[in-house]
């Protein structure tokens, strides 16, 4: 599995963003992203909204396929 696919797999099962006090930057580094912008872009591609929007809504809108 490529590093990009591994990071994508971690994004497909997001941490409880609505309940964690951790910053998006902290979560990005903990899940293997070099910075928050890469996590945000991949998260938006997977769920159709940013991590900040996800925190407000609390649930993903859609999950897209990766490939």
C-alpha atoms as a PDB file:
ATOM      1  CA  UNK A   1       0.000   0.000   0.000  1.00  0.00           C
ATOM      2  CA  UNK A   2       1.403   3.357  -0.971  1.00  0.00           C
ATOM      3  CA  UNK A   3       1.929   6.039   1.651  1.00  0.00           C
ATOM      4  CA  UNK A   4      -0.798   8.158   0.057  1.00  0.00           C
ATOM      5  CA  UNK A   5      -3.292   5.295   0.161  1.00  0.00           C
ATOM      6  CA  UNK A   6      -2.355   4.553   3.779  1.00  0.00           C
ATOM      7  CA  UNK A   7      -2.986   8.172   4.764  1.00  0.00           C
ATOM      8  CA  UNK A   8      -6.251   8.130   2.801  1.00  0.00           C
ATOM      9  CA  UNK A   9      -7.364   5.015   4.696  1.00  0.00           C
ATOM     10  CA  UNK A  10      -6.783   6.847   7.978  1.00  0.00           C
ATOM     11  CA  UNK A  11      -8.822   9.810   6.717  1.00  0.00           C
ATOM     12  CA  UNK A  12     -11.709   7.528   5.676  1.00  0.00           C
ATOM     13  CA  UNK A  13     -12.086   6.655   9.364  1.00  0.00           C
ATOM     14  CA  UNK A  14     -11.667  10.113  10.882  1.00  0.00           C
ATOM     15  CA  UNK A  15     -11.011  10.700  14.553  1.00  0.00           C
ATOM     16  CA  UNK A  16     -13.927  12.091  16.499  1.00  0.00           C
ATOM     17  CA  UNK A  17     -13.270  15.625  15.269  1.00  0.00           C
ATOM     18  CA  UNK A  18     -16.479  16.877  16.786  1.00  0.00           C
ATOM     19  CA  UNK A  19     -15.384  15.837  20.273  1.00  0.00           C
ATOM     20  CA  UNK A  20     -11.575  15.982  20.390  1.00  0.00           C
ATOM     21  CA  UNK A  21      -9.741  19.071  21.625  1.00  0.00           C
ATOM     22  CA  UNK A  22      -6.802  18.240  19.310  1.00  0.00           C
ATOM     23  CA  UNK A  23      -6.025  20.669  16.518  1.00  0.00           C
ATOM     24  CA  UNK A  24      -6.244  19.643  12.885  1.00  0.00           C
ATOM     25  CA  UNK A  25      -2.471  20.193  12.669  1.00  0.00           C
ATOM     26  CA  UNK A  26      -1.894  17.789  15.563  1.00  0.00           C
ATOM     27  CA  UNK A  27      -4.195  15.192  13.996  1.00  0.00           C
ATOM     28  CA  UNK A  28      -2.454  15.648  10.631  1.00  0.00           C
ATOM     29  CA  UNK A  29       0.970  14.966  12.112  1.00  0.00           C
ATOM     30  CA  UNK A  30      -0.321  12.023  14.165  1.00  0.00           C
ATOM     31  CA  UNK A  31      -1.768  10.408  11.039  1.00  0.00           C
ATOM     32  CA  UNK A  32       1.335  10.844   8.887  1.00  0.00           C
ATOM     33  CA  UNK A  33       0.603  14.030   6.951  1.00  0.00           C
ATOM     34  CA  UNK A  34       3.395  16.587   6.622  1.00  0.00           C
ATOM     35  CA  UNK A  35       1.032  19.458   7.401  1.00  0.00           C
ATOM     36  CA  UNK A  36      -2.608  20.288   7.975  1.00  0.00           C
ATOM     37  CA  UNK A  37      -3.273  21.438   4.403  1.00  0.00           C
ATOM     38  CA  UNK A  38      -2.593  17.951   3.028  1.00  0.00           C
ATOM     39  CA  UNK A  39      -4.971  16.405   5.561  1.00  0.00           C
ATOM     40  CA  UNK A  40      -7.610  19.049   4.830  1.00  0.00           C
ATOM     41  CA  UNK A  41      -7.413  18.441   1.060  1.00  0.00           C
ATOM     42  CA  UNK A  42      -7.658  14.663   1.402  1.00  0.00           C
ATOM     43  CA  UNK A  43     -10.414  14.941   4.016  1.00  0.00           C
ATOM     44  CA  UNK A  44     -12.397  17.264   1.766  1.00  0.00           C
ATOM     45  CA  UNK A  45     -11.984  14.814  -1.122  1.00  0.00           C
ATOM     46  CA  UNK A  46     -13.195  11.905   1.006  1.00  0.00           C
ATOM     47  CA  UNK A  47     -16.065  13.591   2.830  1.00  0.00           C
ATOM     48  CA  UNK A  48     -16.996  16.640   0.779  1.00  0.00           C
ATOM     49  CA  UNK A  49     -16.266  19.086   3.591  1.00  0.00           C
ATOM     50  CA  UNK A  50     -13.285  20.361   5.555  1.00  0.00           C
ATOM     51  CA  UNK A  51     -12.375  19.065   9.026  1.00  0.00           C
ATOM     52  CA  UNK A  52     -13.679  22.356  10.499  1.00  0.00           C
ATOM     53  CA  UNK A  53     -17.001  21.917   8.690  1.00  0.00           C
ATOM     54  CA  UNK A  54     -17.090  18.285   9.854  1.00  0.00           C
ATOM     55  CA  UNK A  55     -16.680  19.482  13.443  1.00  0.00           C
ATOM     56  CA  UNK A  56     -19.686  21.757  13.033  1.00  0.00           C
ATOM     57  CA  UNK A  57     -21.834  19.124  11.292  1.00  0.00           C
ATOM     58  CA  UNK A  58     -20.542  16.055  13.154  1.00  0.00           C
ATOM     59  CA  UNK A  59     -21.009  13.501  10.361  1.00  0.00           C
ATOM     60  CA  UNK A  60     -19.575  13.015   6.889  1.00  0.00           C
ATOM     61  CA  UNK A  61     -21.756  13.953   3.944  1.00  0.00           C
ATOM     62  CA  UNK A  62     -20.311  11.473   1.460  1.00  0.00           C
ATOM     63  CA  UNK A  63     -17.387   9.140   1.011  1.00  0.00           C
ATOM     64  CA  UNK A  64     -15.785   9.136  -2.417  1.00  0.00           C
ATOM     65  CA  UNK A  65     -13.692   6.366  -3.888  1.00  0.00           C
ATOM     66  CA  UNK A  66      -9.943   6.792  -4.125  1.00  0.00           C
ATOM     67  CA  UNK A  67      -8.173   5.873  -7.260  1.00  0.00           C
END
